[in-house]
N, C-alpha and C. Protein backbone atom coordinates (compact mmCIF):
# COMPACT_ATOMS: atom_id res chain seq x y z
N UNK A 1 -36.37 -41.66 -60.91
CA UNK A 1 -36.12 -40.99 -61.96
C UNK A 1 -35.60 -39.43 -61.80
N UNK A 2 -34.45 -39.01 -62.87
CA UNK A 2 -33.74 -37.95 -62.57
C UNK A 2 -34.78 -36.73 -62.93
N UNK A 3 -34.70 -35.92 -61.95
CA UNK A 3 -35.47 -34.49 -62.61
C UNK A 3 -34.74 -33.57 -63.21
N UNK A 4 -35.06 -32.56 -63.99
CA UNK A 4 -33.90 -30.97 -64.56
C UNK A 4 -34.07 -30.67 -63.35
N UNK A 5 -33.47 -29.37 -63.87
CA UNK A 5 -33.13 -28.19 -62.92
C UNK A 5 -34.16 -27.45 -62.97
N UNK A 6 -35.02 -26.63 -61.85
CA UNK A 6 -35.87 -26.37 -61.88
C UNK A 6 -35.33 -24.56 -62.14
N UNK A 7 -35.34 -23.47 -62.74
CA UNK A 7 -35.24 -22.85 -62.24
C UNK A 7 -35.66 -21.52 -61.38
N UNK A 8 -36.74 -22.07 -60.99
CA UNK A 8 -37.00 -21.46 -59.70
C UNK A 8 -36.28 -22.02 -58.19
N UNK A 9 -35.28 -22.77 -58.05
CA UNK A 9 -34.78 -23.31 -57.08
C UNK A 9 -33.37 -22.63 -57.23
N UNK A 10 -32.96 -21.69 -57.75
CA UNK A 10 -31.55 -21.25 -58.02
C UNK A 10 -32.21 -19.71 -57.82
N UNK A 11 -31.79 -19.07 -56.40
CA UNK A 11 -32.08 -17.49 -56.64
C UNK A 11 -31.82 -16.69 -57.51
N UNK A 12 -32.08 -16.01 -57.96
CA UNK A 12 -31.38 -14.58 -58.94
C UNK A 12 -30.64 -13.45 -58.41
N UNK A 13 -29.37 -13.22 -58.74
CA UNK A 13 -28.38 -12.53 -58.21
C UNK A 13 -28.66 -11.57 -58.75
N UNK A 14 -28.66 -10.51 -58.37
CA UNK A 14 -28.75 -9.11 -59.03
C UNK A 14 -27.50 -8.39 -58.81
N UNK A 15 -27.07 -7.43 -60.09
CA UNK A 15 -25.85 -6.82 -60.19
C UNK A 15 -25.47 -6.13 -58.66
N UNK A 16 -26.04 -5.77 -58.34
CA UNK A 16 -25.85 -4.55 -57.03
C UNK A 16 -25.55 -5.57 -55.85
N UNK A 17 -25.47 -6.93 -55.84
CA UNK A 17 -25.50 -7.81 -54.80
C UNK A 17 -23.80 -8.23 -55.19
N UNK A 18 -23.52 -8.11 -56.26
CA UNK A 18 -22.27 -8.38 -56.33
C UNK A 18 -21.01 -7.65 -56.27
N UNK A 19 -21.97 -6.18 -56.43
CA UNK A 19 -20.46 -5.41 -56.17
C UNK A 19 -19.58 -5.12 -54.65
N UNK A 20 -18.48 -4.74 -54.50
CA UNK A 20 -17.89 -4.60 -53.00
C UNK A 20 -18.62 -3.75 -52.79
N UNK A 21 -18.50 -3.99 -50.89
CA UNK A 21 -19.35 -3.23 -50.41
C UNK A 21 -17.88 -2.10 -49.32
N UNK A 22 -16.74 -2.31 -49.65
CA UNK A 22 -16.44 -1.49 -49.41
C UNK A 22 -15.24 -0.73 -51.10
N UNK A 23 -15.15 0.71 -50.83
CA UNK A 23 -14.29 1.18 -52.14
C UNK A 23 -13.05 -0.01 -52.14
N UNK A 24 -12.40 0.51 -52.98
CA UNK A 24 -11.08 -0.10 -53.64
C UNK A 24 -9.81 0.36 -52.71
N UNK A 25 -10.22 1.87 -52.80
CA UNK A 25 -9.03 2.85 -52.51
C UNK A 25 -8.96 2.23 -50.58
N UNK A 26 -9.94 2.19 -49.99
CA UNK A 26 -9.64 2.02 -49.08
C UNK A 26 -9.63 0.87 -48.09
N UNK A 27 -9.59 -0.10 -49.16
CA UNK A 27 -8.99 -1.01 -48.86
C UNK A 27 -7.76 -1.27 -49.37
N UNK A 28 -7.24 -1.05 -50.35
CA UNK A 28 -6.23 -0.95 -50.24
C UNK A 28 -5.23 0.39 -49.31
N UNK A 29 -5.92 1.37 -48.60
CA UNK A 29 -5.29 1.87 -47.50
C UNK A 29 -5.12 0.95 -46.19
N UNK A 30 -6.33 0.54 -45.87
CA UNK A 30 -6.32 -0.63 -44.78
C UNK A 30 -5.18 -1.86 -45.15
N UNK A 31 -4.92 -2.21 -46.17
CA UNK A 31 -3.82 -3.23 -46.64
C UNK A 31 -2.60 -2.70 -46.20
N UNK A 32 -2.29 -1.59 -46.93
CA UNK A 32 -1.21 -0.88 -46.94
C UNK A 32 -0.76 -0.58 -45.14
N UNK A 33 -1.68 -0.17 -44.45
CA UNK A 33 -1.17 -0.27 -43.27
C UNK A 33 -0.92 -1.12 -42.32
N UNK A 34 -2.16 -2.49 -42.75
CA UNK A 34 -1.19 -3.60 -42.05
C UNK A 34 -0.15 -4.34 -42.62
N UNK A 35 0.17 -3.90 -43.60
CA UNK A 35 1.86 -4.30 -43.88
C UNK A 35 2.94 -3.06 -42.98
N UNK A 36 2.28 -2.05 -43.09
CA UNK A 36 3.50 -1.20 -42.39
C UNK A 36 3.39 -1.33 -41.08
N UNK A 37 2.41 -1.89 -40.48
CA UNK A 37 2.34 -2.03 -39.04
C UNK A 37 3.20 -3.66 -38.94
N UNK A 38 2.96 -4.29 -39.94
CA UNK A 38 3.85 -5.61 -39.75
C UNK A 38 5.25 -5.89 -39.97
N UNK A 39 5.29 -4.77 -40.89
CA UNK A 39 6.74 -4.73 -40.92
C UNK A 39 7.68 -3.82 -39.74
N UNK A 40 7.17 -2.89 -39.09
CA UNK A 40 7.37 -2.30 -38.13
C UNK A 40 7.91 -2.84 -36.73
N UNK A 41 6.40 -3.87 -36.52
CA UNK A 41 6.71 -5.00 -35.50
C UNK A 41 7.81 -5.66 -35.41
N UNK A 42 8.05 -6.11 -36.77
CA UNK A 42 9.50 -7.16 -37.25
C UNK A 42 10.36 -6.03 -36.87
N UNK A 43 10.71 -5.01 -37.11
CA UNK A 43 11.92 -3.52 -36.68
C UNK A 43 11.77 -3.86 -35.42
N UNK A 44 10.86 -4.28 -34.88
CA UNK A 44 10.96 -3.08 -32.91
C UNK A 44 11.44 -4.47 -33.04
N UNK A 45 11.21 -5.69 -32.96
CA UNK A 45 11.70 -6.85 -32.25
C UNK A 45 13.25 -6.84 -32.56
N UNK A 46 13.70 -6.70 -33.97
CA UNK A 46 15.08 -6.48 -33.94
C UNK A 46 15.71 -5.79 -33.24
N UNK A 47 15.24 -4.62 -32.94
CA UNK A 47 15.91 -3.32 -31.71
C UNK A 47 16.26 -3.99 -30.88
N UNK A 48 15.15 -4.71 -30.28
CA UNK A 48 15.27 -5.00 -28.90
C UNK A 48 16.14 -6.01 -28.78
N UNK A 49 16.25 -6.82 -29.72
CA UNK A 49 16.95 -8.20 -29.84
C UNK A 49 18.57 -7.31 -29.64
N UNK A 50 18.99 -6.25 -30.42
CA UNK A 50 20.16 -5.55 -30.61
C UNK A 50 20.18 -4.88 -29.74
N UNK A 51 19.42 -4.12 -29.09
CA UNK A 51 19.66 -3.60 -27.87
C UNK A 51 20.03 -4.41 -26.74
N UNK A 52 19.51 -5.76 -26.04
CA UNK A 52 19.69 -6.55 -25.31
C UNK A 52 20.98 -7.48 -25.54
N UNK A 53 21.65 -7.34 -26.55
CA UNK A 53 22.48 -8.07 -26.80
C UNK A 53 23.97 -7.12 -26.85
N UNK A 54 23.37 -5.67 -26.86
CA UNK A 54 24.68 -4.95 -27.02
C UNK A 54 24.57 -4.75 -25.50
N UNK A 55 24.09 -4.65 -24.43
CA UNK A 55 24.07 -4.22 -23.26
C UNK A 55 24.68 -5.85 -22.53
N UNK A 56 24.39 -6.85 -23.03
CA UNK A 56 25.09 -8.14 -22.44
C UNK A 56 26.80 -7.81 -22.92
N UNK A 57 26.96 -7.53 -23.90
CA UNK A 57 28.37 -7.60 -24.58
C UNK A 57 29.15 -6.52 -23.65
N UNK A 58 28.30 -5.11 -23.61
CA UNK A 58 28.98 -4.39 -22.41
C UNK A 58 29.39 -4.41 -20.78
N UNK A 59 28.49 -5.96 -20.76
CA UNK A 59 28.62 -6.29 -19.45
C UNK A 59 27.64 -5.68 -18.10
N UNK A 60 26.50 -5.20 -19.00
CA UNK A 60 25.21 -4.79 -17.88
C UNK A 60 24.83 -5.75 -17.36
N UNK A 61 23.78 -5.73 -16.16
CA UNK A 61 23.14 -6.36 -15.73
C UNK A 61 22.31 -7.07 -16.69
N UNK A 62 22.20 -7.80 -17.33
CA UNK A 62 20.90 -8.70 -18.68
C UNK A 62 20.78 -9.43 -18.04
N UNK A 63 19.91 -10.44 -18.08
CA UNK A 63 19.83 -11.97 -17.89
C UNK A 63 20.22 -12.52 -19.49
N UNK A 64 20.69 -13.92 -19.27
CA UNK A 64 21.00 -14.13 -20.69
C UNK A 64 19.61 -15.10 -21.49
N UNK A 65 19.15 -15.26 -20.22
CA UNK A 65 17.62 -15.66 -21.06
C UNK A 65 16.71 -15.04 -22.14
N UNK A 66 17.02 -13.54 -21.18
CA UNK A 66 16.02 -12.57 -21.93
C UNK A 66 16.48 -12.29 -23.46
N UNK A 67 17.87 -12.12 -23.35
CA UNK A 67 18.86 -11.92 -24.45
C UNK A 67 18.39 -12.94 -25.76
N UNK A 68 18.34 -14.47 -25.46
CA UNK A 68 18.25 -15.46 -26.12
C UNK A 68 16.71 -15.57 -26.67
N UNK A 69 15.87 -14.99 -25.39
CA UNK A 69 14.87 -14.88 -26.14
C UNK A 69 14.29 -13.92 -27.10
N UNK A 70 14.45 -13.01 -26.79
CA UNK A 70 14.79 -11.41 -27.35
C UNK A 70 15.05 -12.16 -28.84
N UNK A 71 16.56 -12.59 -29.07
CA UNK A 71 17.05 -13.04 -30.50
C UNK A 71 16.05 -13.89 -31.14
N UNK A 72 15.78 -15.25 -30.38
CA UNK A 72 14.62 -16.19 -31.27
C UNK A 72 13.74 -15.35 -31.92
N UNK A 73 13.03 -14.16 -30.86
CA UNK A 73 11.69 -13.83 -31.56
C UNK A 73 12.17 -12.87 -32.60
N UNK A 74 13.15 -12.32 -32.48
CA UNK A 74 13.67 -11.16 -33.96
C UNK A 74 13.65 -12.34 -34.68
N UNK A 75 14.20 -13.60 -34.47
CA UNK A 75 14.48 -14.58 -35.73
C UNK A 75 13.28 -15.17 -36.40
N UNK A 76 12.75 -15.53 -35.50
CA UNK A 76 11.15 -15.98 -35.65
C UNK A 76 10.21 -14.85 -36.72
N UNK A 77 9.83 -13.70 -36.32
CA UNK A 77 9.79 -12.81 -37.03
C UNK A 77 10.12 -12.39 -38.05
N UNK A 78 11.45 -12.36 -38.24
CA UNK A 78 11.87 -12.21 -39.71
C UNK A 78 11.83 -13.45 -40.58
N UNK A 79 12.01 -14.62 -40.15
CA UNK A 79 11.29 -15.42 -41.23
C UNK A 79 10.05 -15.56 -41.64
N UNK A 80 9.13 -15.29 -40.77
CA UNK A 80 7.94 -15.12 -41.23
C UNK A 80 7.69 -13.97 -42.06
N UNK A 81 7.88 -12.82 -41.71
CA UNK A 81 7.88 -11.62 -43.04
C UNK A 81 9.08 -12.39 -44.45
N UNK A 82 10.00 -13.01 -44.15
CA UNK A 82 10.32 -13.51 -45.34
C UNK A 82 9.25 -14.54 -46.19
N UNK A 83 8.82 -15.30 -45.78
CA UNK A 83 7.83 -16.34 -46.01
C UNK A 83 6.94 -15.26 -46.47
N UNK A 84 6.25 -14.99 -45.89
CA UNK A 84 5.15 -13.85 -46.19
C UNK A 84 5.65 -13.29 -47.69
N UNK A 85 6.73 -12.76 -47.93
CA UNK A 85 6.97 -12.04 -48.96
C UNK A 85 7.37 -12.95 -50.05
N UNK A 86 7.66 -14.02 -49.92
CA UNK A 86 7.61 -15.43 -50.60
C UNK A 86 6.14 -15.73 -51.29
N UNK A 87 5.20 -16.05 -50.45
CA UNK A 87 4.42 -16.17 -50.74
C UNK A 87 3.52 -15.11 -51.77
N UNK A 88 4.03 -13.65 -51.70
CA UNK A 88 3.34 -12.66 -51.95
C UNK A 88 3.89 -12.56 -53.77
N UNK A 89 4.91 -12.88 -54.13
CA UNK A 89 5.85 -12.64 -54.97
C UNK A 89 5.51 -13.93 -55.95
N UNK A 90 5.60 -15.02 -55.11
CA UNK A 90 4.70 -16.67 -56.10
C UNK A 90 3.40 -16.23 -56.34
N UNK A 91 2.44 -15.41 -55.50
CA UNK A 91 1.21 -15.50 -55.90
C UNK A 91 1.06 -14.07 -57.45
N UNK A 92 1.91 -13.01 -56.90
CA UNK A 92 1.84 -12.03 -58.08
C UNK A 92 2.42 -12.89 -59.52
N UNK A 93 3.34 -13.62 -59.45
CA UNK A 93 4.48 -14.44 -60.43
C UNK A 93 3.35 -15.44 -61.00
N UNK A 94 2.13 -16.31 -60.66
CA UNK A 94 1.36 -16.80 -60.74
C UNK A 94 -0.10 -15.92 -61.81
N UNK A 95 -0.12 -15.23 -61.21
CA UNK A 95 -1.26 -13.71 -61.52
C UNK A 95 -0.67 -13.60 -62.76
N UNK A 96 0.49 -13.16 -63.05
CA UNK A 96 0.98 -12.35 -64.36
C UNK A 96 1.11 -13.48 -65.11
N UNK A 97 1.01 -14.85 -64.93
CA UNK A 97 0.69 -16.12 -65.57
C UNK A 97 -0.34 -16.52 -66.37
N UNK A 98 -1.08 -15.98 -66.07
CA UNK A 98 -2.49 -15.96 -66.35
C UNK A 98 -2.77 -15.63 -67.84
N UNK A 99 -3.55 -16.28 -68.20
CA UNK A 99 -4.03 -15.75 -69.98
C UNK A 99 -5.33 -15.05 -69.42
N UNK A 100 -5.53 -13.92 -70.40
CA UNK A 100 -6.50 -13.15 -70.08
C UNK A 100 -7.63 -13.35 -70.93
């Protein structure tokens, strides 16, 4: 036999438990700092790749494999940043399509 739902089994949730533990401004600052750091890392990879490529072109003593590895790291980090950007834009557009 199937028993009905007993409200004693379901714990009550108070309004204070539903409040976020951090302030939204602190979370926004942390998120913006995370994005800034990620963009700076992508930029650093690009700059390193450009410097090594320029040294190789100028005939300085630089191993070709180091140049290629730096170039691929820069390329992959840029592709990742673009994909993250695309997903953020897609999520934003999806939220804008939601009906209130």
